[in-house]
C-alpha atoms as a PDB file:
ATOM      1  CA  MET A   1       0.000   0.000   0.000  1.00  0.00           C
ATOM      2  CA  MET A   2       1.266   3.462  -0.902  1.00  0.00           C
ATOM      3  CA  ALA A   3       2.255   5.641   2.068  1.00  0.00           C
ATOM      4  CA  LEU A   4       0.412   8.946   2.460  1.00  0.00           C
ATOM      5  CA  LEU A   5       3.743  10.771   2.867  1.00  0.00           C
ATOM      6  CA  GLU A   6       7.051   9.308   1.769  1.00  0.00           C
ATOM      7  CA  THR A   7      10.565  10.655   1.253  1.00  0.00           C
ATOM      8  CA  ASN A   8      13.473   8.827  -0.349  1.00  0.00           C
ATOM      9  CA  ASP A   9      17.071  10.061  -0.017  1.00  0.00           C
ATOM     10  CA  LEU A  10      15.764  13.583   0.656  1.00  0.00           C
ATOM     11  CA  THR A  11      18.725  15.932   1.004  1.00  0.00           C
ATOM     12  CA  VAL A  12      18.517  19.644   1.794  1.00  0.00           C
ATOM     13  CA  THR A  13      21.703  21.662   1.384  1.00  0.00           C
ATOM     14  CA  PHE A  14      22.606  25.131   2.655  1.00  0.00           C
ATOM     15  CA  GLY A  15      25.967  26.541   1.620  1.00  0.00           C
ATOM     16  CA  GLY A  16      27.453  23.107   1.009  1.00  0.00           C
ATOM     17  CA  LEU A  17      26.174  21.708   4.336  1.00  0.00           C
ATOM     18  CA  ASN A  18      23.554  18.966   4.276  1.00  0.00           C
ATOM     19  CA  ALA A  19      20.954  19.976   6.859  1.00  0.00           C
ATOM     20  CA  ASN A  20      19.033  16.833   5.845  1.00  0.00           C
ATOM     21  CA  ASP A  21      21.125  14.034   4.397  1.00  0.00           C
ATOM     22  CA  GLY A  22      19.415  11.132   2.637  1.00  0.00           C
ATOM     23  CA  VAL A  23      16.282  11.103   4.792  1.00  0.00           C
ATOM     24  CA  ASP A  24      13.867   8.195   4.202  1.00  0.00           C
ATOM     25  CA  ILE A  25      10.521   8.452   5.990  1.00  0.00           C
ATOM     26  CA  LYS A  26       7.095   6.861   5.506  1.00  0.00           C
ATOM     27  CA  VAL A  27       3.857   8.004   7.103  1.00  0.00           C
ATOM     28  CA  GLU A  28       0.931   5.653   6.541  1.00  0.00           C
ATOM     29  CA  GLU A  29      -2.573   7.101   6.468  1.00  0.00           C
ATOM     30  CA  GLY A  30      -4.352   6.908   9.820  1.00  0.00           C
ATOM     31  CA  THR A  31      -1.162   6.723  11.902  1.00  0.00           C
ATOM     32  CA  PHE A  32       0.550   9.004  14.402  1.00  0.00           C
ATOM     33  CA  VAL A  33       4.247   9.303  13.526  1.00  0.00           C
ATOM     34  CA  GLY A  34       6.918  11.230  15.421  1.00  0.00           C
ATOM     35  CA  LEU A  35      10.258  12.783  14.533  1.00  0.00           C
ATOM     36  CA  ILE A  36      12.658  13.551  17.363  1.00  0.00           C
ATOM     37  CA  GLY A  37      16.263  14.641  17.592  1.00  0.00           C
ATOM     38  CA  PRO A  38      18.595  17.010  19.452  1.00  0.00           C
ATOM     39  CA  ASN A  39      18.651  20.740  18.744  1.00  0.00           C
ATOM     40  CA  GLY A  40      20.110  21.425  15.321  1.00  0.00           C
ATOM     41  CA  ALA A  41      19.401  17.910  14.055  1.00  0.00           C
ATOM     42  CA  GLY A  42      17.454  19.227  11.046  1.00  0.00           C
ATOM     43  CA  LYS A  43      13.881  18.506  12.132  1.00  0.00           C
ATOM     44  CA  THR A  44      12.312  21.819  11.186  1.00  0.00           C
ATOM     45  CA  THR A  45      14.322  21.880   7.961  1.00  0.00           C
ATOM     46  CA  PHE A  46      12.665  18.583   7.070  1.00  0.00           C
ATOM     47  CA  ILE A  47       9.166  19.977   7.632  1.00  0.00           C
ATOM     48  CA  ASP A  48      10.098  23.104   5.657  1.00  0.00           C
ATOM     49  CA  ALA A  49      11.217  20.907   2.761  1.00  0.00           C
ATOM     50  CA  ILE A  50       8.012  18.863   2.856  1.00  0.00           C
ATOM     51  CA  THR A  51       5.772  21.936   2.922  1.00  0.00           C
ATOM     52  CA  GLY A  52       7.761  23.864   0.305  1.00  0.00           C
ATOM     53  CA  PHE A  53       9.553  26.496   2.335  1.00  0.00           C
ATOM     54  CA  VAL A  54      13.059  25.340   1.334  1.00  0.00           C
ATOM     55  CA  ALA A  55      12.223  23.610  -1.946  1.00  0.00           C
ATOM     56  CA  PRO A  56      15.035  25.356  -3.919  1.00  0.00           C
ATOM     57  CA  ASN A  57      17.557  23.899  -1.463  1.00  0.00           C
ATOM     58  CA  VAL A  58      16.531  20.261  -2.000  1.00  0.00           C
ATOM     59  CA  SER A  59      19.605  18.947  -3.786  1.00  0.00           C
ATOM     60  CA  ARG A  60      18.500  15.346  -4.299  1.00  0.00           C
ATOM     61  CA  GLY A  61      15.889  12.772  -3.424  1.00  0.00           C
ATOM     62  CA  SER A  62      12.126  12.684  -3.695  1.00  0.00           C
ATOM     63  CA  ALA A  63       9.044  13.428  -1.614  1.00  0.00           C
ATOM     64  CA  THR A  64       5.508  12.288  -2.421  1.00  0.00           C
ATOM     65  CA  PHE A  65       2.131  12.955  -0.841  1.00  0.00           C
ATOM     66  CA  ALA A  66      -0.762  10.673  -1.782  1.00  0.00           C
ATOM     67  CA  GLY A  67       1.248   9.676  -4.849  1.00  0.00           C
ATOM     68  CA  GLN A  68       1.899  13.265  -5.968  1.00  0.00           C
ATOM     69  CA  ASP A  69       5.382  14.717  -6.417  1.00  0.00           C
ATOM     70  CA  LEU A  70       5.633  17.281  -3.625  1.00  0.00           C
ATOM     71  CA  LEU A  71       8.847  18.852  -4.886  1.00  0.00           C
ATOM     72  CA  ALA A  72       7.115  19.892  -8.108  1.00  0.00           C
ATOM     73  CA  MET A  73       4.359  21.718  -6.179  1.00  0.00           C
ATOM     74  CA  LYS A  74       4.278  25.218  -4.727  1.00  0.00           C
ATOM     75  CA  PRO A  75       3.539  25.629  -1.003  1.00  0.00           C
ATOM     76  CA  HIS A  76      -0.103  26.627  -1.551  1.00  0.00           C
ATOM     77  CA  GLU A  77      -0.585  23.644  -3.867  1.00  0.00           C
ATOM     78  CA  ARG A  78       0.721  21.301  -1.173  1.00  0.00           C
ATOM     79  CA  ALA A  79      -1.697  22.823   1.318  1.00  0.00           C
ATOM     80  CA  LYS A  80      -4.566  22.478  -1.141  1.00  0.00           C
ATOM     81  CA  ALA A  81      -3.661  18.791  -1.620  1.00  0.00           C
ATOM     82  CA  GLY A  82      -4.291  18.222   2.102  1.00  0.00           C
ATOM     83  CA  LEU A  83      -0.920  18.947   3.756  1.00  0.00           C
ATOM     84  CA  SER A  84      -1.104  21.375   6.678  1.00  0.00           C
ATOM     85  CA  ARG A  85       1.440  22.477   9.272  1.00  0.00           C
ATOM     86  CA  THR A  86       2.069  24.517  12.390  1.00  0.00           C
ATOM     87  CA  PHE A  87       5.109  26.668  13.120  1.00  0.00           C
ATOM     88  CA  GLN A  88       7.351  26.901  16.176  1.00  0.00           C
ATOM     89  CA  SER A  89       6.561  30.607  16.374  1.00  0.00           C
ATOM     90  CA  LEU A  90       2.841  31.038  16.832  1.00  0.00           C
ATOM     91  CA  GLU A  91       2.334  33.453  13.901  1.00  0.00           C
ATOM     92  CA  LEU A  92      -1.117  34.430  15.160  1.00  0.00           C
ATOM     93  CA  PHE A  93      -2.829  37.701  14.227  1.00  0.00           C
ATOM     94  CA  ASP A  94      -3.141  39.517  17.557  1.00  0.00           C
ATOM     95  CA  ASP A  95      -5.680  41.993  16.159  1.00  0.00           C
ATOM     96  CA  LEU A  96      -8.040  39.196  15.075  1.00  0.00           C
ATOM     97  CA  SER A  97     -10.217  37.035  17.293  1.00  0.00           C
ATOM     98  CA  VAL A  98      -9.457  33.340  17.681  1.00  0.00           C
ATOM     99  CA  GLU A  99     -12.317  32.525  15.310  1.00  0.00           C
ATOM    100  CA  ASP A 100     -11.092  34.996  12.696  1.00  0.00           C
ATOM    101  CA  ASN A 101      -7.552  33.595  12.944  1.00  0.00           C
ATOM    102  CA  LEU A 102      -8.991  30.222  11.954  1.00  0.00           C
ATOM    103  CA  LEU A 103     -11.210  31.650   9.234  1.00  0.00           C
ATOM    104  CA  VAL A 104      -8.214  33.295   7.571  1.00  0.00           C
ATOM    105  CA  ALA A 105      -6.442  29.936   7.451  1.00  0.00           C
ATOM    106  CA  ALA A 106      -9.453  27.894   6.367  1.00  0.00           C
ATOM    107  CA  GLU A 107     -10.841  30.003   3.557  1.00  0.00           C
ATOM    108  CA  GLU A 108      -9.332  29.664   0.102  1.00  0.00           C
ATOM    109  CA  PRO A 109      -9.846  33.063  -1.532  1.00  0.00           C
ATOM    110  CA  LYS A 110     -10.630  33.335  -5.222  1.00  0.00           C
ATOM    111  CA  TRP A 111      -9.820  36.285  -7.448  1.00  0.00           C
ATOM    112  CA  TYR A 112     -13.493  37.227  -7.507  1.00  0.00           C
ATOM    113  CA  SER A 113     -14.026  36.916  -3.735  1.00  0.00           C
ATOM    114  CA  PHE A 114     -13.899  40.686  -3.205  1.00  0.00           C
ATOM    115  CA  LEU A 115     -16.745  41.136  -5.707  1.00  0.00           C
ATOM    116  CA  LEU A 116     -18.908  38.629  -3.862  1.00  0.00           C
ATOM    117  CA  ASP A 117     -18.100  40.305  -0.551  1.00  0.00           C
ATOM    118  CA  PHE A 118     -19.110  43.655  -2.037  1.00  0.00           C
ATOM    119  CA  VAL A 119     -22.417  42.320  -3.335  1.00  0.00           C
ATOM    120  CA  ASN A 120     -23.221  40.232  -0.250  1.00  0.00           C
ATOM    121  CA  PRO A 121     -21.043  41.115   2.765  1.00  0.00           C
ATOM    122  CA  THR A 122     -22.846  38.587   4.973  1.00  0.00           C
ATOM    123  CA  ARG A 123     -22.503  35.647   2.587  1.00  0.00           C
ATOM    124  CA  SER A 124     -21.450  32.261   3.944  1.00  0.00           C
ATOM    125  CA  THR A 125     -18.154  30.959   2.579  1.00  0.00           C
ATOM    126  CA  GLY A 126     -18.752  27.369   3.684  1.00  0.00           C
ATOM    127  CA  VAL A 127     -15.762  27.264   6.032  1.00  0.00           C
ATOM    128  CA  GLU A 128     -17.583  28.267   9.202  1.00  0.00           C
ATOM    129  CA  ASP A 129     -18.417  24.637   9.966  1.00  0.00           C
ATOM    130  CA  GLN A 130     -14.751  23.705   9.560  1.00  0.00           C
ATOM    131  CA  VAL A 131     -13.747  26.404  12.024  1.00  0.00           C
ATOM    132  CA  ASP A 132     -16.436  25.321  14.505  1.00  0.00           C
ATOM    133  CA  TRP A 133     -15.181  21.750  14.233  1.00  0.00           C
ATOM    134  CA  ALA A 134     -11.528  22.713  14.805  1.00  0.00           C
ATOM    135  CA  LEU A 135     -12.447  24.810  17.839  1.00  0.00           C
ATOM    136  CA  ASP A 136     -14.489  21.942  19.289  1.00  0.00           C
ATOM    137  CA  VAL A 137     -11.743  19.345  18.737  1.00  0.00           C
ATOM    138  CA  LEU A 138      -9.284  21.441  20.738  1.00  0.00           C
ATOM    139  CA  ASP A 139     -11.865  22.588  23.310  1.00  0.00           C
ATOM    140  CA  LEU A 140     -11.481  26.237  22.309  1.00  0.00           C
ATOM    141  CA  ALA A 141     -15.118  27.087  21.490  1.00  0.00           C
ATOM    142  CA  GLU A 142     -15.509  29.280  24.580  1.00  0.00           C
ATOM    143  CA  HIS A 143     -12.529  31.368  23.438  1.00  0.00           C
ATOM    144  CA  ARG A 144     -13.718  31.953  19.862  1.00  0.00           C
ATOM    145  CA  ASP A 145     -14.317  35.683  20.470  1.00  0.00           C
ATOM    146  CA  SER A 146     -11.146  36.187  22.519  1.00  0.00           C
ATOM    147  CA  TYR A 147      -7.954  37.666  21.130  1.00  0.00           C
ATOM    148  CA  PRO A 148      -4.632  35.793  21.258  1.00  0.00           C
ATOM    149  CA  THR A 149      -3.236  38.344  23.719  1.00  0.00           C
ATOM    150  CA  ASP A 150      -6.039  37.425  26.156  1.00  0.00           C
ATOM    151  CA  LEU A 151      -5.039  33.748  26.258  1.00  0.00           C
ATOM    152  CA  SER A 152      -2.408  31.790  28.137  1.00  0.00           C
ATOM    153  CA  HIS A 153       0.633  30.522  26.280  1.00  0.00           C
ATOM    154  CA  GLY A 154      -0.809  27.002  26.290  1.00  0.00           C
ATOM    155  CA  GLN A 155      -4.103  28.203  24.842  1.00  0.00           C
ATOM    156  CA  ARG A 156      -2.312  30.175  22.125  1.00  0.00           C
ATOM    157  CA  LYS A 157      -0.429  27.014  21.153  1.00  0.00           C
ATOM    158  CA  LEU A 158      -3.765  25.231  20.822  1.00  0.00           C
ATOM    159  CA  VAL A 159      -5.067  28.031  18.590  1.00  0.00           C
ATOM    160  CA  GLY A 160      -2.050  27.514  16.340  1.00  0.00           C
ATOM    161  CA  VAL A 161      -2.881  23.823  16.053  1.00  0.00           C
ATOM    162  CA  ALA A 162      -6.587  24.555  15.521  1.00  0.00           C
ATOM    163  CA  ARG A 163      -5.693  26.904  12.685  1.00  0.00           C
ATOM    164  CA  ALA A 164      -3.857  24.079  10.934  1.00  0.00           C
ATOM    165  CA  LEU A 165      -6.887  21.820  11.448  1.00  0.00           C
ATOM    166  CA  ALA A 166      -9.402  24.356  10.137  1.00  0.00           C
ATOM    167  CA  ALA A 167      -8.458  23.497   6.556  1.00  0.00           C
ATOM    168  CA  GLN A 168      -9.374  19.867   7.365  1.00  0.00           C
ATOM    169  CA  PRO A 169      -6.125  18.383   6.006  1.00  0.00           C
ATOM    170  CA  ARG A 170      -5.370  14.729   5.351  1.00  0.00           C
ATOM    171  CA  LEU A 171      -2.027  15.132   7.147  1.00  0.00           C
ATOM    172  CA  VAL A 172      -1.017  17.736   9.709  1.00  0.00           C
ATOM    173  CA  LEU A 173       2.657  18.354  10.525  1.00  0.00           C
ATOM    174  CA  LEU A 174       3.087  19.710  14.043  1.00  0.00           C
ATOM    175  CA  ASP A 175       6.345  21.560  14.682  1.00  0.00           C
ATOM    176  CA  GLU A 176       7.053  21.682  18.442  1.00  0.00           C
ATOM    177  CA  PRO A 177       3.414  22.134  19.585  1.00  0.00           C
ATOM    178  CA  ALA A 178       4.382  21.455  23.226  1.00  0.00           C
ATOM    179  CA  ALA A 179       7.224  23.996  23.361  1.00  0.00           C
ATOM    180  CA  GLY A 180       6.819  26.158  26.452  1.00  0.00           C
ATOM    181  CA  LEU A 181       4.110  23.987  27.990  1.00  0.00           C
ATOM    182  CA  ASP A 182       4.397  22.493  31.452  1.00  0.00           C
ATOM    183  CA  THR A 183       4.004  18.758  32.043  1.00  0.00           C
ATOM    184  CA  ALA A 184       0.267  18.918  32.747  1.00  0.00           C
ATOM    185  CA  GLU A 185      -0.415  21.052  29.667  1.00  0.00           C
ATOM    186  CA  SER A 186       1.695  18.698  27.544  1.00  0.00           C
ATOM    187  CA  GLN A 187      -0.290  15.655  28.724  1.00  0.00           C
ATOM    188  CA  ILE A 188      -3.590  17.368  27.898  1.00  0.00           C
ATOM    189  CA  LEU A 189      -2.237  18.367  24.500  1.00  0.00           C
ATOM    190  CA  GLY A 190      -1.134  14.788  23.813  1.00  0.00           C
ATOM    191  CA  GLY A 191      -4.638  13.457  24.345  1.00  0.00           C
ATOM    192  CA  ARG A 192      -6.129  16.038  22.030  1.00  0.00           C
ATOM    193  CA  LEU A 193      -3.534  15.422  19.327  1.00  0.00           C
ATOM    194  CA  ARG A 194      -4.165  11.698  19.477  1.00  0.00           C
ATOM    195  CA  SER A 195      -7.883  12.323  18.936  1.00  0.00           C
ATOM    196  CA  PHE A 196      -7.143  13.731  15.466  1.00  0.00           C
ATOM    197  CA  LEU A 197      -6.939  10.145  14.205  1.00  0.00           C
ATOM    198  CA  ASP A 198     -10.616   9.693  15.087  1.00  0.00           C
ATOM    199  CA  HIS A 199     -11.415  12.474  12.613  1.00  0.00           C
ATOM    200  CA  GLY A 200      -9.497  10.959   9.709  1.00  0.00           C
ATOM    201  CA  ILE A 201      -6.411  13.181  10.100  1.00  0.00           C
ATOM    202  CA  THR A 202      -2.968  11.597   9.989  1.00  0.00           C
ATOM    203  CA  VAL A 203      -0.421  13.228  12.312  1.00  0.00           C
ATOM    204  CA  PHE A 204       3.323  13.820  11.951  1.00  0.00           C
ATOM    205  CA  LEU A 205       4.726  15.239  15.188  1.00  0.00           C
ATOM    206  CA  ILE A 206       8.052  16.943  15.871  1.00  0.00           C
ATOM    207  CA  ASP A 207       8.717  17.812  19.490  1.00  0.00           C
ATOM    208  CA  HIS A 208      11.432  17.928  22.144  1.00  0.00           C
ATOM    209  CA  ASP A 209       9.053  16.645  24.818  1.00  0.00           C
ATOM    210  CA  MET A 210      10.288  13.067  24.989  1.00  0.00           C
ATOM    211  CA  GLY A 211       7.431  11.881  27.190  1.00  0.00           C
ATOM    212  CA  LEU A 212       4.868  13.312  24.791  1.00  0.00           C
ATOM    213  CA  VAL A 213       6.418  11.733  21.700  1.00  0.00           C
ATOM    214  CA  LEU A 214       6.918   8.320  23.298  1.00  0.00           C
ATOM    215  CA  ASN A 215       3.389   8.197  24.686  1.00  0.00           C
ATOM    216  CA  VAL A 216       1.320   9.354  21.698  1.00  0.00           C
ATOM    217  CA  CYS A 217       3.171   8.080  18.625  1.00  0.00           C
ATOM    218  CA  ASP A 218       2.712   4.747  16.850  1.00  0.00           C
ATOM    219  CA  TYR A 219       6.098   4.971  15.138  1.00  0.00           C
ATOM    220  CA  ILE A 220       9.100   7.254  15.650  1.00  0.00           C
ATOM    221  CA  TYR A 221      12.052   8.409  13.567  1.00  0.00           C
ATOM    222  CA  VAL A 222      15.172   9.829  15.212  1.00  0.00           C
ATOM    223  CA  LEU A 223      17.196  12.460  13.370  1.00  0.00           C
ATOM    224  CA  ASP A 224      20.727  13.510  14.312  1.00  0.00           C
ATOM    225  CA  PHE A 225      23.123  15.640  12.259  1.00  0.00           C
ATOM    226  CA  GLY A 226      20.615  15.539   9.405  1.00  0.00           C
ATOM    227  CA  GLN A 227      20.450  11.736   9.175  1.00  0.00           C
ATOM    228  CA  ILE A 228      17.993   9.129  10.451  1.00  0.00           C
ATOM    229  CA  ILE A 229      19.876   7.185  13.124  1.00  0.00           C
ATOM    230  CA  ALA A 230      16.991   5.036  14.371  1.00  0.00           C
ATOM    231  CA  GLU A 231      13.346   4.225  13.734  1.00  0.00           C
ATOM    232  CA  GLY A 232      10.775   1.988  15.347  1.00  0.00           C
ATOM    233  CA  THR A 233       7.987   1.765  17.889  1.00  0.00           C
ATOM    234  CA  PRO A 234       8.247   3.778  21.131  1.00  0.00           C
ATOM    235  CA  ASP A 235       9.428   0.653  22.976  1.00  0.00           C
ATOM    236  CA  GLU A 236      12.168   0.084  20.405  1.00  0.00           C
ATOM    237  CA  ILE A 237      13.266   3.722  20.370  1.00  0.00           C
ATOM    238  CA  ARG A 238      13.414   3.922  24.149  1.00  0.00           C
ATOM    239  CA  VAL A 239      16.177   1.309  24.361  1.00  0.00           C
ATOM    240  CA  ASP A 240      18.002   1.986  21.093  1.00  0.00           C
ATOM    241  CA  PRO A 241      21.690   2.675  21.918  1.00  0.00           C
ATOM    242  CA  HIS A 242      22.026   5.240  19.102  1.00  0.00           C
ATOM    243  CA  VAL A 243      19.122   7.202  20.535  1.00  0.00           C
ATOM    244  CA  VAL A 244      20.480   7.092  24.074  1.00  0.00           C
ATOM    245  CA  ALA A 245      23.860   8.275  22.795  1.00  0.00           C
ATOM    246  CA  ALA A 246      22.258  11.144  20.882  1.00  0.00           C
ATOM    247  CA  TYR A 247      20.401  12.238  23.999  1.00  0.00           C
ATOM    248  CA  LEU A 248      23.219  12.133  26.529  1.00  0.00           C
ATOM    249  CA  GLY A 249      22.532  14.070  29.696  1.00  0.00           C
ATOM    250  CA  GLU A 250      19.169  15.427  30.716  1.00  0.00           C
ATOM    251  CA  GLN A 251      17.332  14.248  27.612  1.00  0.00           C
ATOM    252  CA  ALA A 252      18.602  10.706  28.116  1.00  0.00           C
ATOM    253  CA  SER A 253      17.219  10.819  31.643  1.00  0.00           C
ATOM    254  CA  GLU A 254      13.862  11.919  30.235  1.00  0.00           C
ATOM    255  CA  LEU A 255      13.993   9.017  27.798  1.00  0.00           C
ATOM    256  CA  GLN A 256      14.557   6.503  30.578  1.00  0.00           C
ATOM    257  CA  GLU A 257      12.008   8.110  32.910  1.00  0.00           C
ATOM    258  CA  ALA A 258       9.356   8.110  30.182  1.00  0.00           C
ATOM    259  CA  GLY A 259       9.944   4.398  29.763  1.00  0.00           C
ATOM    260  CA  ALA A 260       9.737   3.782  33.489  1.00  0.00           C
ATOM    261  CA  SER A 261       6.523   5.786  33.756  1.00  0.00           C
ATOM    262  CA  GLN A 262       4.878   3.822  30.971  1.00  0.00           C
ATOM    263  CA  ALA A 263       5.969   0.555  32.556  1.00  0.00           C
ATOM    264  CA  ARG A 264       4.263   1.673  35.785  1.00  0.00           C
ATOM    265  CA  GLY A 265       1.133   2.508  33.809  1.00  0.00           C
ATOM    266  CA  GLU A 266       1.547   6.269  34.257  1.00  0.00           C
ATOM    267  CA  GLY A 267       2.024   7.111  30.598  1.00  0.00           C
ATOM    268  CA  GLY A 268      -0.731   8.328  28.302  1.00  0.00           C
ATOM    269  CA  ASP A 269      -2.767   5.970  26.185  1.00  0.00           C
ATOM    270  CA  LYS A 270      -1.643   5.404  22.639  1.00  0.00           C
END
């Protein structure tokens, strides 16, 4: 069966340096896949390459989405095909309400949209239901009229994820959604992210929160110095010597503690 997202030998080069070097990844439809790695490993560069933000720097390899050649598509074409993403920086419009932030992301404007707005300013664009759904999935409905500046950091992160969902993508790529969240907020986020599968959305997660990644993902890839050094189930990744070596120090302790917590039955459901 063809993978929903697949890369083969994907290499992204900046100034002669391979930020991603021969990366092979498969994401099957209906799965929750993670990508982890130390700072500077090339994780965000990989997402940028997949979504078209560094396409000119892809020096070799291929990337396909639902059988289509991603590298031949512009960023907006990839989004239209069903590929959505979040960013590490929130990139929210502080002068727009939460609902309007989602509407901006969900609506696909046409060249004649301004004429329709002029004729019928109150017309329905058909995306309101999508926005309502995204707000409900992330339990943000009560904040729809709030502004990003009125929300906590954790709530603003959720708005960023909801904005990616509002377009109802087939695959959502989440770039560090738990950054800046405390442990409790991260656990709540993990449960909500996992629920995306129930709505037919495949998830590709990048995050430094080792406990989150190990507890919510079905399959995990580990990137270090631009190359995949390990892949497997959370149980396999937890004990992989290459992974432990890449996460020496505090992160290695997190890796071991996450495993111990799950063994005690304290980890989140997968």
